[in-house]
Amino acid sequence: QGYVGDPSQNNNLENNVNPPVSALSFQEVTGIHSKWHAVGRLDADTTGLLLLTNDGGLVHHATNPTSKSHEDIVGHGSGAITKTYEALIMGHHDDTTSEALHQIRTRGVDIGTKYGGWTKPAVSLEVLDHPTPKSTLVSITIAEGKNRQVRRMFHGVQSGVMHLHRSKFGESLGLGTLKEGQWKILTDEEVI
C-alpha cells in the first residue's frame, strides 16, 4: 500500500527530487498505480499537507470519529484526528485580549446552518507573529473537517483569512522540509 506525505522523517527517495507535478498525474509521479483517496481535502486557496492513500481502512479511521480504532488513539476526547494550520488573518490580534481568538478557543463559532452550524472550539490557537500592524499569523488546530472551516471561523468573528497552510495531520505527521510539489511514501510507523 502506498502513502504520500512528509519527507523529513525518512529520506529514502532517490535524492528526494521529484519531477514537476504540474504536467504529470499522481500515478506518473509516484510510479504507483492504484486507486487513491484523499484523507480530507484542501480548497484551491489553501496550501500544505495532503495525505493520499490506497488504504480504505486508513481513510475510514482518519475521517470517521465513531471508528473504534480512531477512539483508541485520540487523546483530546473529540474522537477526530486533528489538523493544524498556519493562517494569516486580518487585524491585529493579541493572545490575551482578543475576543475573537477567545471565542474560537472557548466556544467555537457559528459558521452558518448551511455549513454545519456551530464549530467545536479549536484544540489550540496561538499567535505566532504580527507581519504587519494590521495582520496576525496564527497556528490553529481543529478536530473537525467542515467545508472551509478555518476560513469560516475567522470570518464569523469579523476577521478574514488572507493565507491558509495545513502544516500537520494528527500529533506528529508534519511537512518537515517538504516543499510544494514534493511527496514521500510514508513508512508504517509514520502512518497515523
C-alpha atoms as a PDB file:
ATOM      1  CA  GLN A   1       0.000   0.000   0.000  1.00  0.00           C
ATOM      2  CA  GLY A   2       1.244   3.487  -0.745  1.00  0.00           C
ATOM      3  CA  TYR A   3       1.003   6.655   1.282  1.00  0.00           C
ATOM      4  CA  VAL A   4       2.171  10.139   0.399  1.00  0.00           C
ATOM      5  CA  GLY A   5       3.320  12.686   2.943  1.00  0.00           C
ATOM      6  CA  ASP A   6       6.297  14.191   4.763  1.00  0.00           C
ATOM      7  CA  PRO A   7       9.861  13.500   3.547  1.00  0.00           C
ATOM      8  CA  SER A   8      11.594  14.887   6.646  1.00  0.00           C
ATOM      9  CA  GLN A   9      11.385  11.732   8.723  1.00  0.00           C
ATOM     10  CA  ASN A  10      12.817   9.272   6.193  1.00  0.00           C
ATOM     11  CA  ASN A  11      14.530  10.453   3.038  1.00  0.00           C
ATOM     12  CA  ASN A  12      14.533   7.126   1.255  1.00  0.00           C
ATOM     13  CA  LEU A  13      13.540   8.594  -2.100  1.00  0.00           C
ATOM     14  CA  GLU A  14      16.274   8.884  -4.696  1.00  0.00           C
ATOM     15  CA  ASN A  15      17.855  12.297  -3.969  1.00  0.00           C
ATOM     16  CA  ASN A  16      14.412  13.488  -2.716  1.00  0.00           C
ATOM     17  CA  VAL A  17      13.989  15.177  -6.107  1.00  0.00           C
ATOM     18  CA  ASN A  18      10.630  14.722  -7.761  1.00  0.00           C
ATOM     19  CA  PRO A  19       9.638  15.582 -11.316  1.00  0.00           C
ATOM     20  CA  PRO A  20       7.470  18.676 -11.789  1.00  0.00           C
ATOM     21  CA  VAL A  21       3.954  17.605 -10.867  1.00  0.00           C
ATOM     22  CA  SER A  22       2.097  20.160 -12.948  1.00  0.00           C
ATOM     23  CA  ALA A  23       2.200  18.040 -16.105  1.00  0.00           C
ATOM     24  CA  LEU A  24       2.064  14.575 -14.543  1.00  0.00           C
ATOM     25  CA  SER A  25      -0.627  12.505 -12.886  1.00  0.00           C
ATOM     26  CA  PHE A  26      -0.056  11.227  -9.369  1.00  0.00           C
ATOM     27  CA  GLN A  27       0.482   7.726 -10.730  1.00  0.00           C
ATOM     28  CA  GLU A  28       3.097   9.019 -13.174  1.00  0.00           C
ATOM     29  CA  VAL A  29       4.903  10.942 -10.456  1.00  0.00           C
ATOM     30  CA  THR A  30       4.987   8.101  -7.926  1.00  0.00           C
ATOM     31  CA  GLY A  31       5.073   5.089 -10.220  1.00  0.00           C
ATOM     32  CA  ILE A  32       2.370   3.567  -8.002  1.00  0.00           C
ATOM     33  CA  HIS A  33      -0.737   2.535  -9.901  1.00  0.00           C
ATOM     34  CA  SER A  34      -3.656   2.184  -7.544  1.00  0.00           C
ATOM     35  CA  LYS A  35      -6.951   3.867  -6.687  1.00  0.00           C
ATOM     36  CA  TRP A  36      -6.105   6.834  -4.447  1.00  0.00           C
ATOM     37  CA  HIS A  37      -8.237   8.514  -1.795  1.00  0.00           C
ATOM     38  CA  ALA A  38      -7.518  11.843  -0.116  1.00  0.00           C
ATOM     39  CA  VAL A  39      -7.751  11.913   3.667  1.00  0.00           C
ATOM     40  CA  GLY A  40      -9.512  15.252   3.959  1.00  0.00           C
ATOM     41  CA  ARG A  41      -9.157  17.910   1.332  1.00  0.00           C
ATOM     42  CA  LEU A  42      -7.661  21.319   0.644  1.00  0.00           C
ATOM     43  CA  ASP A  43      -9.587  24.034  -1.144  1.00  0.00           C
ATOM     44  CA  ALA A  44      -7.983  25.761  -4.120  1.00  0.00           C
ATOM     45  CA  ASP A  45      -6.804  28.694  -1.959  1.00  0.00           C
ATOM     46  CA  THR A  46      -5.111  26.541   0.711  1.00  0.00           C
ATOM     47  CA  THR A  47      -1.615  25.084   0.580  1.00  0.00           C
ATOM     48  CA  GLY A  48       0.077  22.386   2.599  1.00  0.00           C
ATOM     49  CA  LEU A  49      -0.078  18.766   3.636  1.00  0.00           C
ATOM     50  CA  LEU A  50      -2.375  16.419   1.774  1.00  0.00           C
ATOM     51  CA  LEU A  51      -2.432  12.759   2.699  1.00  0.00           C
ATOM     52  CA  LEU A  52      -3.281  10.309  -0.095  1.00  0.00           C
ATOM     53  CA  THR A  53      -3.717   6.580   0.399  1.00  0.00           C
ATOM     54  CA  ASN A  54      -4.968   3.449  -1.271  1.00  0.00           C
ATOM     55  CA  ASP A  55      -5.888   2.044   2.174  1.00  0.00           C
ATOM     56  CA  GLY A  56      -9.662   2.370   2.654  1.00  0.00           C
ATOM     57  CA  GLY A  57      -9.296   1.380   6.312  1.00  0.00           C
ATOM     58  CA  LEU A  58      -6.982   4.329   6.943  1.00  0.00           C
ATOM     59  CA  VAL A  59      -9.439   6.718   5.280  1.00  0.00           C
ATOM     60  CA  HIS A  60     -12.252   5.377   7.473  1.00  0.00           C
ATOM     61  CA  HIS A  61     -10.067   5.542  10.586  1.00  0.00           C
ATOM     62  CA  ALA A  62      -8.899   9.098   9.892  1.00  0.00           C
ATOM     63  CA  THR A  63     -12.222  10.600   8.827  1.00  0.00           C
ATOM     64  CA  ASN A  64     -14.816   8.747  10.899  1.00  0.00           C
ATOM     65  CA  PRO A  65     -14.865   9.843  14.574  1.00  0.00           C
ATOM     66  CA  THR A  66     -17.006   6.826  15.530  1.00  0.00           C
ATOM     67  CA  SER A  67     -14.372   4.353  14.356  1.00  0.00           C
ATOM     68  CA  LYS A  68     -13.253   2.113  17.255  1.00  0.00           C
ATOM     69  CA  SER A  69      -9.589   2.306  16.227  1.00  0.00           C
ATOM     70  CA  HIS A  70      -9.997   6.062  15.960  1.00  0.00           C
ATOM     71  CA  GLU A  71     -11.154   6.368  19.574  1.00  0.00           C
ATOM     72  CA  ASP A  72      -8.197   4.302  20.805  1.00  0.00           C
ATOM     73  CA  ILE A  73      -5.525   6.750  19.617  1.00  0.00           C
ATOM     74  CA  VAL A  74      -7.128  10.158  20.142  1.00  0.00           C
ATOM     75  CA  GLY A  75      -6.247  11.805  23.424  1.00  0.00           C
ATOM     76  CA  HIS A  76      -8.258  15.044  23.336  1.00  0.00           C
ATOM     77  CA  GLY A  77     -11.687  13.434  23.611  1.00  0.00           C
ATOM     78  CA  SER A  78     -13.252  14.668  20.382  1.00  0.00           C
ATOM     79  CA  GLY A  79     -12.766  11.386  18.521  1.00  0.00           C
ATOM     80  CA  ALA A  80     -11.286  13.132  15.479  1.00  0.00           C
ATOM     81  CA  ILE A  81      -7.756  13.342  14.163  1.00  0.00           C
ATOM     82  CA  THR A  82      -6.574  16.927  14.372  1.00  0.00           C
ATOM     83  CA  LYS A  83      -5.407  19.176  11.564  1.00  0.00           C
ATOM     84  CA  THR A  84      -3.044  22.089  12.241  1.00  0.00           C
ATOM     85  CA  TYR A  85      -2.924  25.172  10.038  1.00  0.00           C
ATOM     86  CA  GLU A  86      -0.981  28.395   9.901  1.00  0.00           C
ATOM     87  CA  ALA A  87      -3.314  31.238   8.996  1.00  0.00           C
ATOM     88  CA  LEU A  88      -2.515  34.836   8.163  1.00  0.00           C
ATOM     89  CA  ILE A  89      -5.600  36.684   9.377  1.00  0.00           C
ATOM     90  CA  MET A  90      -6.837  40.243   9.089  1.00  0.00           C
ATOM     91  CA  GLY A  91      -6.458  42.546  12.066  1.00  0.00           C
ATOM     92  CA  HIS A  92      -4.064  42.849  14.973  1.00  0.00           C
ATOM     93  CA  HIS A  93      -4.976  40.117  17.462  1.00  0.00           C
ATOM     94  CA  ASP A  94      -3.319  39.573  20.817  1.00  0.00           C
ATOM     95  CA  ASP A  95      -3.289  36.196  22.602  1.00  0.00           C
ATOM     96  CA  THR A  96      -4.624  37.636  25.849  1.00  0.00           C
ATOM     97  CA  THR A  97      -7.020  40.419  24.820  1.00  0.00           C
ATOM     98  CA  SER A  98      -8.572  39.374  21.507  1.00  0.00           C
ATOM     99  CA  GLU A  99     -12.243  38.482  21.989  1.00  0.00           C
ATOM    100  CA  ALA A 100     -12.235  36.843  18.532  1.00  0.00           C
ATOM    101  CA  LEU A 101      -9.449  34.422  19.460  1.00  0.00           C
ATOM    102  CA  HIS A 102     -11.019  33.802  22.874  1.00  0.00           C
ATOM    103  CA  GLN A 103     -14.303  32.803  21.227  1.00  0.00           C
ATOM    104  CA  ILE A 104     -12.590  30.434  18.783  1.00  0.00           C
ATOM    105  CA  ARG A 105     -10.695  28.828  21.692  1.00  0.00           C
ATOM    106  CA  THR A 106     -13.564  28.513  24.158  1.00  0.00           C
ATOM    107  CA  ARG A 107     -16.968  28.499  22.458  1.00  0.00           C
ATOM    108  CA  GLY A 108     -16.451  27.806  18.788  1.00  0.00           C
ATOM    109  CA  VAL A 109     -18.050  29.860  16.028  1.00  0.00           C
ATOM    110  CA  ASP A 110     -21.411  29.811  14.267  1.00  0.00           C
ATOM    111  CA  ILE A 111     -20.398  29.392  10.627  1.00  0.00           C
ATOM    112  CA  GLY A 112     -23.994  29.208   9.435  1.00  0.00           C
ATOM    113  CA  THR A 113     -26.562  26.435   9.284  1.00  0.00           C
ATOM    114  CA  LYS A 114     -25.741  25.767   5.633  1.00  0.00           C
ATOM    115  CA  TYR A 115     -22.128  24.944   6.648  1.00  0.00           C
ATOM    116  CA  GLY A 116     -22.799  22.908   9.788  1.00  0.00           C
ATOM    117  CA  GLY A 117     -23.744  25.490  12.411  1.00  0.00           C
ATOM    118  CA  TRP A 118     -21.504  25.887  15.437  1.00  0.00           C
ATOM    119  CA  THR A 119     -17.967  24.549  15.307  1.00  0.00           C
ATOM    120  CA  LYS A 120     -16.293  22.969  18.277  1.00  0.00           C
ATOM    121  CA  PRO A 121     -13.694  25.158  20.000  1.00  0.00           C
ATOM    122  CA  ALA A 122     -10.227  24.944  18.486  1.00  0.00           C
ATOM    123  CA  VAL A 123      -7.991  22.313  20.079  1.00  0.00           C
ATOM    124  CA  SER A 124      -5.295  25.003  20.177  1.00  0.00           C
ATOM    125  CA  LEU A 125      -4.846  28.521  18.849  1.00  0.00           C
ATOM    126  CA  GLU A 126      -1.767  30.675  19.307  1.00  0.00           C
ATOM    127  CA  VAL A 127      -0.433  33.908  17.882  1.00  0.00           C
ATOM    128  CA  LEU A 128       2.882  33.343  16.100  1.00  0.00           C
ATOM    129  CA  ASP A 129       3.655  36.789  14.701  1.00  0.00           C
ATOM    130  CA  HIS A 130       2.345  40.150  13.523  1.00  0.00           C
ATOM    131  CA  PRO A 131       3.830  40.523   9.998  1.00  0.00           C
ATOM    132  CA  THR A 132       2.191  43.954   9.668  1.00  0.00           C
ATOM    133  CA  PRO A 133       0.318  46.207  12.109  1.00  0.00           C
ATOM    134  CA  LYS A 134      -2.957  45.018  10.523  1.00  0.00           C
ATOM    135  CA  SER A 135      -2.357  41.275  10.270  1.00  0.00           C
ATOM    136  CA  THR A 136      -1.702  38.337  12.588  1.00  0.00           C
ATOM    137  CA  LEU A 137      -0.120  34.958  11.892  1.00  0.00           C
ATOM    138  CA  VAL A 138      -1.700  32.206  13.997  1.00  0.00           C
ATOM    139  CA  SER A 139      -1.387  28.463  14.403  1.00  0.00           C
ATOM    140  CA  ILE A 140      -4.788  26.796  14.805  1.00  0.00           C
ATOM    141  CA  THR A 141      -5.527  23.127  15.418  1.00  0.00           C
ATOM    142  CA  ILE A 142      -9.047  21.811  14.843  1.00  0.00           C
ATOM    143  CA  ALA A 143     -10.639  18.407  15.317  1.00  0.00           C
ATOM    144  CA  GLU A 144     -13.421  18.789  12.761  1.00  0.00           C
ATOM    145  CA  GLY A 145     -13.393  18.955   8.998  1.00  0.00           C
ATOM    146  CA  LYS A 146     -16.302  21.126   7.929  1.00  0.00           C
ATOM    147  CA  ASN A 147     -16.094  22.734   4.484  1.00  0.00           C
ATOM    148  CA  ARG A 148     -13.680  25.710   4.578  1.00  0.00           C
ATOM    149  CA  GLN A 149     -13.978  25.588   8.366  1.00  0.00           C
ATOM    150  CA  VAL A 150     -10.932  27.654   9.373  1.00  0.00           C
ATOM    151  CA  ARG A 151     -11.791  30.398   6.883  1.00  0.00           C
ATOM    152  CA  ARG A 152     -15.427  30.465   8.019  1.00  0.00           C
ATOM    153  CA  MET A 153     -14.445  30.525  11.712  1.00  0.00           C
ATOM    154  CA  PHE A 154     -12.325  33.656  11.319  1.00  0.00           C
ATOM    155  CA  HIS A 155     -14.947  35.269   9.089  1.00  0.00           C
ATOM    156  CA  GLY A 156     -17.525  34.508  11.798  1.00  0.00           C
ATOM    157  CA  VAL A 157     -15.539  36.557  14.332  1.00  0.00           C
ATOM    158  CA  GLN A 158     -15.184  39.549  11.992  1.00  0.00           C
ATOM    159  CA  SER A 159     -11.738  38.703  10.669  1.00  0.00           C
ATOM    160  CA  GLY A 160     -10.689  37.007   7.472  1.00  0.00           C
ATOM    161  CA  VAL A 161      -8.004  34.635   6.250  1.00  0.00           C
ATOM    162  CA  MET A 162      -5.546  36.017   3.734  1.00  0.00           C
ATOM    163  CA  HIS A 163      -3.420  32.853   3.537  1.00  0.00           C
ATOM    164  CA  LEU A 164      -4.016  29.335   4.875  1.00  0.00           C
ATOM    165  CA  HIS A 165      -1.497  26.486   5.043  1.00  0.00           C
ATOM    166  CA  ARG A 166      -2.054  22.998   6.542  1.00  0.00           C
ATOM    167  CA  SER A 167       1.110  22.067   8.413  1.00  0.00           C
ATOM    168  CA  LYS A 168       0.216  18.893  10.317  1.00  0.00           C
ATOM    169  CA  PHE A 169      -2.103  15.880  10.476  1.00  0.00           C
ATOM    170  CA  GLY A 170      -2.620  14.364  13.912  1.00  0.00           C
ATOM    171  CA  GLU A 171       0.028  14.783  16.583  1.00  0.00           C
ATOM    172  CA  SER A 172       3.152  14.084  14.552  1.00  0.00           C
ATOM    173  CA  LEU A 173       2.682  13.918  10.775  1.00  0.00           C
ATOM    174  CA  GLY A 174       4.007  17.276   9.619  1.00  0.00           C
ATOM    175  CA  LEU A 175       5.502  18.751   6.487  1.00  0.00           C
ATOM    176  CA  GLY A 176       9.028  18.996   7.858  1.00  0.00           C
ATOM    177  CA  THR A 177      11.277  20.006   4.945  1.00  0.00           C
ATOM    178  CA  LEU A 178       8.747  19.033   2.271  1.00  0.00           C
ATOM    179  CA  LYS A 179       8.425  21.758  -0.344  1.00  0.00           C
ATOM    180  CA  GLU A 180       5.409  22.444  -2.534  1.00  0.00           C
ATOM    181  CA  GLY A 181       5.064  19.727  -5.181  1.00  0.00           C
ATOM    182  CA  GLN A 182       7.231  17.204  -3.314  1.00  0.00           C
ATOM    183  CA  TRP A 183       5.944  13.943  -1.890  1.00  0.00           C
ATOM    184  CA  LYS A 184       7.093  10.961   0.110  1.00  0.00           C
ATOM    185  CA  ILE A 185       5.971   7.403   0.693  1.00  0.00           C
ATOM    186  CA  LEU A 186       5.386   7.005   4.425  1.00  0.00           C
ATOM    187  CA  THR A 187       6.690   4.140   6.495  1.00  0.00           C
ATOM    188  CA  ASP A 188       4.299   2.057   8.614  1.00  0.00           C
ATOM    189  CA  GLU A 189       5.474   3.955  11.715  1.00  0.00           C
ATOM    190  CA  GLU A 190       4.585   7.314  10.144  1.00  0.00           C
ATOM    191  CA  VAL A 191       1.010   6.377   9.267  1.00  0.00           C
ATOM    192  CA  ILE A 192      -1.496   7.951  11.639  1.00  0.00           C
END
